[in-house]
């Protein structure tokens, strides 16, 4: 027959369960963390910032491609 759990063993088990649950929820985006937006306004600001980053990367890519294709100078 199993011996009953001690109070501190139970506390450790509960703490470990809460830690795993919290990390799993954060991993799947179910619980907002400090890095995640938590209100609609925050989501809008984060989406706007992401759009600006993507636009800047697209412009950089276009500039690099145009410089690479024009690097040989004018063709006759």
PDB file of N, CA and C in Angstrom:
ATOM      1  N   UNK A   1       0.837  -1.182   0.000  1.00  0.00           N
ATOM      2  CA  UNK A   1       0.000   0.000   0.000  1.00  0.00           C
ATOM      3  C   UNK A   1       0.889   1.255   0.000  1.00  0.00           C
ATOM      4  N   UNK A   2       0.480   2.244  -0.791  1.00  0.00           N
ATOM      5  CA  UNK A   2       1.264   3.481  -0.880  1.00  0.00           C
ATOM      6  C   UNK A   2       1.141   4.301   0.392  1.00  0.00           C
ATOM      7  N   UNK A   3       2.237   4.961   0.727  1.00  0.00           N
ATOM      8  CA  UNK A   3       2.182   5.855   1.876  1.00  0.00           C
ATOM      9  C   UNK A   3       1.547   7.177   1.440  1.00  0.00           C
ATOM     10  N   UNK A   4       0.866   7.864   2.313  1.00  0.00           N
ATOM     11  CA  UNK A   4       0.257   9.144   1.935  1.00  0.00           C
ATOM     12  C   UNK A   4       1.340  10.201   1.673  1.00  0.00           C
ATOM     13  N   UNK A   5       1.024  11.135   0.791  1.00  0.00           N
ATOM     14  CA  UNK A   5       1.975  12.203   0.458  1.00  0.00           C
ATOM     15  C   UNK A   5       2.126  13.163   1.629  1.00  0.00           C
ATOM     16  N   UNK A   6       3.329  13.608   1.806  1.00  0.00           N
ATOM     17  CA  UNK A   6       3.573  14.641   2.801  1.00  0.00           C
ATOM     18  C   UNK A   6       3.106  15.978   2.241  1.00  0.00           C
ATOM     19  N   UNK A   7       2.832  16.905   3.129  1.00  0.00           N
ATOM     20  CA  UNK A   7       2.332  18.220   2.715  1.00  0.00           C
ATOM     21  C   UNK A   7       3.336  18.923   1.792  1.00  0.00           C
ATOM     22  N   UNK A   8       4.605  18.874   2.114  1.00  0.00           N
ATOM     23  CA  UNK A   8       5.596  19.568   1.279  1.00  0.00           C
ATOM     24  C   UNK A   8       5.772  18.873  -0.070  1.00  0.00           C
ATOM     25  N   UNK A   9       5.612  17.561  -0.117  1.00  0.00           N
ATOM     26  CA  UNK A   9       5.658  16.861  -1.408  1.00  0.00           C
ATOM     27  C   UNK A   9       4.488  17.286  -2.285  1.00  0.00           C
ATOM     28  N   UNK A  10       3.324  17.411  -1.661  1.00  0.00           N
ATOM     29  CA  UNK A  10       2.147  17.857  -2.398  1.00  0.00           C
ATOM     30  C   UNK A  10       2.334  19.286  -2.894  1.00  0.00           C
ATOM     31  N   UNK A  11       2.880  20.150  -2.048  1.00  0.00           N
ATOM     32  CA  UNK A  11       3.139  21.533  -2.449  1.00  0.00           C
ATOM     33  C   UNK A  11       4.116  21.595  -3.620  1.00  0.00           C
ATOM     34  N   UNK A  12       5.162  20.782  -3.585  1.00  0.00           N
ATOM     35  CA  UNK A  12       6.127  20.748  -4.687  1.00  0.00           C
ATOM     36  C   UNK A  12       5.473  20.268  -5.969  1.00  0.00           C
ATOM     37  N   UNK A  13       4.625  19.257  -5.846  1.00  0.00           N
ATOM     38  CA  UNK A  13       3.932  18.722  -7.015  1.00  0.00           C
ATOM     39  C   UNK A  13       2.985  19.760  -7.615  1.00  0.00           C
ATOM     40  N   UNK A  14       2.249  20.456  -6.770  1.00  0.00           N
ATOM     41  CA  UNK A  14       1.332  21.498  -7.244  1.00  0.00           C
ATOM     42  C   UNK A  14       2.115  22.632  -7.894  1.00  0.00           C
ATOM     43  N   UNK A  15       3.218  23.026  -7.287  1.00  0.00           N
ATOM     44  CA  UNK A  15       4.045  24.102  -7.844  1.00  0.00           C
ATOM     45  C   UNK A  15       4.602  23.716  -9.219  1.00  0.00           C
ATOM     46  N   UNK A  16       5.059  22.495  -9.338  1.00  0.00           N
ATOM     47  CA  UNK A  16       5.595  22.012 -10.626  1.00  0.00           C
ATOM     48  C   UNK A  16       4.492  21.971 -11.686  1.00  0.00           C
ATOM     49  N   UNK A  17       3.303  21.532 -11.282  1.00  0.00           N
ATOM     50  CA  UNK A  17       2.174  21.483 -12.214  1.00  0.00           C
ATOM     51  C   UNK A  17       1.817  22.885 -12.701  1.00  0.00           C
ATOM     52  N   UNK A  18       1.772  23.853 -11.787  1.00  0.00           N
ATOM     53  CA  UNK A  18       1.456  25.228 -12.164  1.00  0.00           C
ATOM     54  C   UNK A  18       2.528  25.800 -13.087  1.00  0.00           C
ATOM     55  N   UNK A  19       3.777  25.487 -12.818  1.00  0.00           N
ATOM     56  CA  UNK A  19       4.876  25.963 -13.665  1.00  0.00           C
ATOM     57  C   UNK A  19       4.756  25.406 -15.083  1.00  0.00           C
ATOM     58  N   UNK A  20       4.484  24.113 -15.186  1.00  0.00           N
ATOM     59  CA  UNK A  20       4.337  23.496 -16.508  1.00  0.00           C
ATOM     60  C   UNK A  20       3.118  24.033 -17.237  1.00  0.00           C
ATOM     61  N   UNK A  21       2.017  24.217 -16.526  1.00  0.00           N
ATOM     62  CA  UNK A  21       0.806  24.745 -17.143  1.00  0.00           C
ATOM     63  C   UNK A  21       1.040  26.165 -17.639  1.00  0.00           C
ATOM     64  N   UNK A  22       1.693  26.976 -16.825  1.00  0.00           N
ATOM     65  CA  UNK A  22       1.954  28.365 -17.197  1.00  0.00           C
ATOM     66  C   UNK A  22       2.863  28.437 -18.425  1.00  0.00           C
ATOM     67  N   UNK A  23       3.913  27.625 -18.466  1.00  0.00           N
ATOM     68  CA  UNK A  23       4.829  27.667 -19.603  1.00  0.00           C
ATOM     69  C   UNK A  23       4.160  27.138 -20.865  1.00  0.00           C
ATOM     70  N   UNK A  24       3.293  26.134 -20.737  1.00  0.00           N
ATOM     71  CA  UNK A  24       2.588  25.607 -21.904  1.00  0.00           C
ATOM     72  C   UNK A  24       1.613  26.631 -22.448  1.00  0.00           C
ATOM     73  N   UNK A  25       0.885  27.298 -21.556  1.00  0.00           N
ATOM     74  CA  UNK A  25      -0.065  28.317 -22.012  1.00  0.00           C
ATOM     75  C   UNK A  25       0.656  29.474 -22.674  1.00  0.00           C
ATOM     76  N   UNK A  26       1.786  29.876 -22.133  1.00  0.00           N
ATOM     77  CA  UNK A  26       2.556  30.957 -22.739  1.00  0.00           C
ATOM     78  C   UNK A  26       3.105  30.525 -24.091  1.00  0.00           C
ATOM     79  N   UNK A  27       3.556  29.276 -24.190  1.00  0.00           N
ATOM     80  CA  UNK A  27       4.101  28.753 -25.438  1.00  0.00           C
ATOM     81  C   UNK A  27       3.065  28.793 -26.551  1.00  0.00           C
ATOM     82  N   UNK A  28       1.829  28.433 -26.239  1.00  0.00           N
ATOM     83  CA  UNK A  28       0.778  28.405 -27.249  1.00  0.00           C
ATOM     84  C   UNK A  28       0.022  29.724 -27.354  1.00  0.00           C
ATOM     85  N   UNK A  29       0.460  30.742 -26.644  1.00  0.00           N
ATOM     86  CA  UNK A  29      -0.148  32.058 -26.761  1.00  0.00           C
ATOM     87  C   UNK A  29      -1.489  32.191 -26.073  1.00  0.00           C
ATOM     88  N   UNK A  30      -1.791  31.338 -25.110  1.00  0.00           N
ATOM     89  CA  UNK A  30      -3.074  31.402 -24.429  1.00  0.00           C
ATOM     90  C   UNK A  30      -3.062  32.387 -23.270  1.00  0.00           C
ATOM     91  N   UNK A  31      -1.901  32.703 -22.775  1.00  0.00           N
ATOM     92  CA  UNK A  31      -1.769  33.640 -21.672  1.00  0.00           C
ATOM     93  C   UNK A  31      -0.829  34.750 -22.122  1.00  0.00           C
ATOM     94  N   UNK A  32      -1.265  36.005 -22.043  1.00  0.00           N
ATOM     95  CA  UNK A  32      -0.370  37.082 -22.471  1.00  0.00           C
ATOM     96  C   UNK A  32       0.825  37.218 -21.540  1.00  0.00           C
ATOM     97  N   UNK A  33       1.983  37.382 -22.121  1.00  0.00           N
ATOM     98  CA  UNK A  33       3.181  37.643 -21.331  1.00  0.00           C
ATOM     99  C   UNK A  33       3.536  39.112 -21.496  1.00  0.00           C
ATOM    100  N   UNK A  34       4.636  39.528 -20.934  1.00  0.00           N
ATOM    101  CA  UNK A  34       5.036  40.930 -21.042  1.00  0.00           C
ATOM    102  C   UNK A  34       5.329  41.324 -22.480  1.00  0.00           C
ATOM    103  N   UNK A  35       5.736  40.360 -23.303  1.00  0.00           N
ATOM    104  CA  UNK A  35       6.089  40.664 -24.685  1.00  0.00           C
ATOM    105  C   UNK A  35       4.885  40.616 -25.619  1.00  0.00           C
ATOM    106  N   UNK A  36       3.763  40.090 -25.155  1.00  0.00           N
ATOM    107  CA  UNK A  36       2.591  39.959 -26.000  1.00  0.00           C
ATOM    108  C   UNK A  36       1.605  41.081 -25.712  1.00  0.00           C
ATOM    109  N   UNK A  37       0.918  41.527 -26.756  1.00  0.00           N
ATOM    110  CA  UNK A  37      -0.099  42.551 -26.587  1.00  0.00           C
ATOM    111  C   UNK A  37      -1.307  41.961 -25.868  1.00  0.00           C
ATOM    112  N   UNK A  38      -1.919  42.739 -24.981  1.00  0.00           N
ATOM    113  CA  UNK A  38      -3.021  42.192 -24.197  1.00  0.00           C
ATOM    114  C   UNK A  38      -4.354  42.874 -24.467  1.00  0.00           C
ATOM    115  N   UNK A  39      -4.358  44.039 -25.088  1.00  0.00           N
ATOM    116  CA  UNK A  39      -5.608  44.730 -25.408  1.00  0.00           C
ATOM    117  C   UNK A  39      -5.678  44.936 -26.914  1.00  0.00           C
ATOM    118  N   UNK A  40      -6.873  45.228 -27.434  1.00  0.00           N
ATOM    119  CA  UNK A  40      -6.979  45.472 -28.883  1.00  0.00           C
ATOM    120  C   UNK A  40      -6.073  46.613 -29.355  1.00  0.00           C
ATOM    121  N   UNK A  41      -5.941  47.663 -28.548  1.00  0.00           N
ATOM    122  CA  UNK A  41      -5.062  48.765 -28.934  1.00  0.00           C
ATOM    123  C   UNK A  41      -3.613  48.299 -29.015  1.00  0.00           C
ATOM    124  N   UNK A  42      -3.197  47.473 -28.060  1.00  0.00           N
ATOM    125  CA  UNK A  42      -1.835  46.928 -28.089  1.00  0.00           C
ATOM    126  C   UNK A  42      -1.625  46.058 -29.317  1.00  0.00           C
ATOM    127  N   UNK A  43      -2.644  45.251 -29.653  1.00  0.00           N
ATOM    128  CA  UNK A  43      -2.547  44.408 -30.849  1.00  0.00           C
ATOM    129  C   UNK A  43      -2.413  45.280 -32.098  1.00  0.00           C
ATOM    130  N   UNK A  44      -3.182  46.376 -32.151  1.00  0.00           N
ATOM    131  CA  UNK A  44      -3.121  47.275 -33.305  1.00  0.00           C
ATOM    132  C   UNK A  44      -1.746  47.928 -33.411  1.00  0.00           C
ATOM    133  N   UNK A  45      -1.212  48.381 -32.293  1.00  0.00           N
ATOM    134  CA  UNK A  45       0.118  48.998 -32.301  1.00  0.00           C
ATOM    135  C   UNK A  45       1.189  47.988 -32.716  1.00  0.00           C
ATOM    136  N   UNK A  46       1.082  46.769 -32.217  1.00  0.00           N
ATOM    137  CA  UNK A  46       2.055  45.735 -32.576  1.00  0.00           C
ATOM    138  C   UNK A  46       1.957  45.397 -34.057  1.00  0.00           C
ATOM    139  N   UNK A  47       0.736  45.335 -34.582  1.00  0.00           N
ATOM    140  CA  UNK A  47       0.554  45.042 -36.009  1.00  0.00           C
ATOM    141  C   UNK A  47       1.092  46.186 -36.862  1.00  0.00           C
ATOM    142  N   UNK A  48       0.879  47.418 -36.431  1.00  0.00           N
ATOM    143  CA  UNK A  48       1.408  48.570 -37.161  1.00  0.00           C
ATOM    144  C   UNK A  48       2.927  48.589 -37.172  1.00  0.00           C
ATOM    145  N   UNK A  49       3.521  48.286 -36.036  1.00  0.00           N
ATOM    146  CA  UNK A  49       4.984  48.236 -35.961  1.00  0.00           C
ATOM    147  C   UNK A  49       5.530  47.139 -36.858  1.00  0.00           C
ATOM    148  N   UNK A  50       4.857  45.991 -36.875  1.00  0.00           N
ATOM    149  CA  UNK A  50       5.291  44.879 -37.732  1.00  0.00           C
ATOM    150  C   UNK A  50       5.170  45.265 -39.204  1.00  0.00           C
ATOM    151  N   UNK A  51       4.098  45.972 -39.565  1.00  0.00           N
ATOM    152  CA  UNK A  51       3.915  46.398 -40.954  1.00  0.00           C
ATOM    153  C   UNK A  51       5.014  47.377 -41.371  1.00  0.00           C
ATOM    154  N   UNK A  52       5.381  48.283 -40.483  1.00  0.00           N
ATOM    155  CA  UNK A  52       6.454  49.236 -40.790  1.00  0.00           C
ATOM    156  C   UNK A  52       7.780  48.502 -40.964  1.00  0.00           C
ATOM    157  N   UNK A  53       8.046  47.518 -40.117  1.00  0.00           N
ATOM    158  CA  UNK A  53       9.279  46.731 -40.253  1.00  0.00           C
ATOM    159  C   UNK A  53       9.315  46.003 -41.594  1.00  0.00           C
ATOM    160  N   UNK A  54       8.198  45.397 -41.972  1.00  0.00           N
ATOM    161  CA  UNK A  54       8.147  44.679 -43.251  1.00  0.00           C
ATOM    162  C   UNK A  54       8.314  45.631 -44.429  1.00  0.00           C
ATOM    163  N   UNK A  55       7.711  46.814 -44.343  1.00  0.00           N
ATOM    164  CA  UNK A  55       7.864  47.804 -45.414  1.00  0.00           C
ATOM    165  C   UNK A  55       9.323  48.242 -45.535  1.00  0.00           C
ATOM    166  N   UNK A  56       9.983  48.468 -44.415  1.00  0.00           N
ATOM    167  CA  UNK A  56      11.391  48.864 -44.446  1.00  0.00           C
ATOM    168  C   UNK A  56      12.257  47.760 -45.049  1.00  0.00           C
ATOM    169  N   UNK A  57      11.974  46.514 -44.701  1.00  0.00           N
ATOM    170  CA  UNK A  57      12.733  45.403 -45.287  1.00  0.00           C
ATOM    171  C   UNK A  57      12.483  45.282 -46.785  1.00  0.00           C
ATOM    172  N   UNK A  58      11.243  45.512 -47.214  1.00  0.00           N
ATOM    173  CA  UNK A  58      10.930  45.445 -48.642  1.00  0.00           C
ATOM    174  C   UNK A  58      11.662  46.543 -49.407  1.00  0.00           C
ATOM    175  N   UNK A  59      11.688  47.747 -48.860  1.00  0.00           N
ATOM    176  CA  UNK A  59      12.404  48.852 -49.511  1.00  0.00           C
ATOM    177  C   UNK A  59      13.894  48.543 -49.578  1.00  0.00           C
ATOM    178  N   UNK A  60      14.456  48.021 -48.509  1.00  0.00           N
ATOM    179  CA  UNK A  60      15.871  47.658 -48.499  1.00  0.00           C
ATOM    180  C   UNK A  60      16.165  46.600 -49.554  1.00  0.00           C
ATOM    181  N   UNK A  61      15.299  45.623 -49.673  1.00  0.00           N
ATOM    182  CA  UNK A  61      15.480  44.575 -50.678  1.00  0.00           C
ATOM    183  C   UNK A  61      15.441  45.152 -52.089  1.00  0.00           C
ATOM    184  N   UNK A  62      14.504  46.041 -52.359  1.00  0.00           N
ATOM    185  CA  UNK A  62      14.409  46.665 -53.683  1.00  0.00           C
ATOM    186  C   UNK A  62      15.661  47.479 -53.979  1.00  0.00           C
ATOM    187  N   UNK A  63      16.142  48.228 -53.005  1.00  0.00           N
ATOM    188  CA  UNK A  63      17.351  49.033 -53.205  1.00  0.00           C
ATOM    189  C   UNK A  63      18.549  48.135 -53.476  1.00  0.00           C
ATOM    190  N   UNK A  64      18.697  47.070 -52.717  1.00  0.00           N
ATOM    191  CA  UNK A  64      19.829  46.164 -52.927  1.00  0.00           C
ATOM    192  C   UNK A  64      19.765  45.481 -54.287  1.00  0.00           C
ATOM    193  N   UNK A  65      18.589  45.060 -54.696  1.00  0.00           N
ATOM    194  CA  UNK A  65      18.447  44.416 -56.006  1.00  0.00           C
ATOM    195  C   UNK A  65      18.738  45.411 -57.117  1.00  0.00           C
ATOM    196  N   UNK A  66      18.257  46.638 -56.989  1.00  0.00           N
ATOM    197  CA  UNK A  66      18.521  47.630 -58.035  1.00  0.00           C
ATOM    198  C   UNK A  66      20.002  47.993 -58.095  1.00  0.00           C
ATOM    199  N   UNK A  67      20.668  48.049 -56.949  1.00  0.00           N
ATOM    200  CA  UNK A  67      22.107  48.309 -56.954  1.00  0.00           C
ATOM    201  C   UNK A  67      22.874  47.140 -57.561  1.00  0.00           C
ATOM    202  N   UNK A  68      22.438  45.932 -57.265  1.00  0.00           N
ATOM    203  CA  UNK A  68      23.130  44.752 -57.790  1.00  0.00           C
ATOM    204  C   UNK A  68      22.962  44.636 -59.300  1.00  0.00           C
ATOM    205  N   UNK A  69      21.796  44.951 -59.803  1.00  0.00           N
ATOM    206  CA  UNK A  69      21.581  44.839 -61.254  1.00  0.00           C
ATOM    207  C   UNK A  69      22.234  45.986 -62.011  1.00  0.00           C
ATOM    208  N   UNK A  70      22.395  47.125 -61.372  1.00  0.00           N
ATOM    209  CA  UNK A  70      23.009  48.267 -62.042  1.00  0.00           C
ATOM    210  C   UNK A  70      24.481  48.419 -61.729  1.00  0.00           C
ATOM    211  N   UNK A  71      25.093  47.463 -61.079  1.00  0.00           N
ATOM    212  CA  UNK A  71      26.484  47.576 -60.653  1.00  0.00           C
ATOM    213  C   UNK A  71      27.456  47.527 -61.819  1.00  0.00           C
ATOM    214  N   UNK A  72      27.075  46.937 -62.921  1.00  0.00           N
ATOM    215  CA  UNK A  72      27.969  46.812 -64.066  1.00  0.00           C
ATOM    216  C   UNK A  72      28.067  48.080 -64.898  1.00  0.00           C
ATOM    217  N   UNK A  73      27.285  49.065 -64.589  1.00  0.00           N
ATOM    218  CA  UNK A  73      27.289  50.299 -65.362  1.00  0.00           C
ATOM    219  C   UNK A  73      26.317  50.201 -66.528  1.00  0.00           C
ATOM    220  N   UNK A  74      26.227  51.252 -67.305  1.00  0.00           N
ATOM    221  CA  UNK A  74      25.283  51.256 -68.427  1.00  0.00           C
ATOM    222  C   UNK A  74      25.719  50.279 -69.519  1.00  0.00           C
ATOM    223  N   UNK A  75      24.768  49.645 -70.112  1.00  0.00           N
ATOM    224  CA  UNK A  75      25.071  48.708 -71.198  1.00  0.00           C
ATOM    225  C   UNK A  75      24.842  49.398 -72.532  1.00  0.00           C
ATOM    226  N   UNK A  76      25.657  49.071 -73.531  1.00  0.00           N
ATOM    227  CA  UNK A  76      25.516  49.737 -74.845  1.00  0.00           C
ATOM    228  C   UNK A  76      24.283  49.288 -75.596  1.00  0.00           C
TER     229      UNK A  76
END
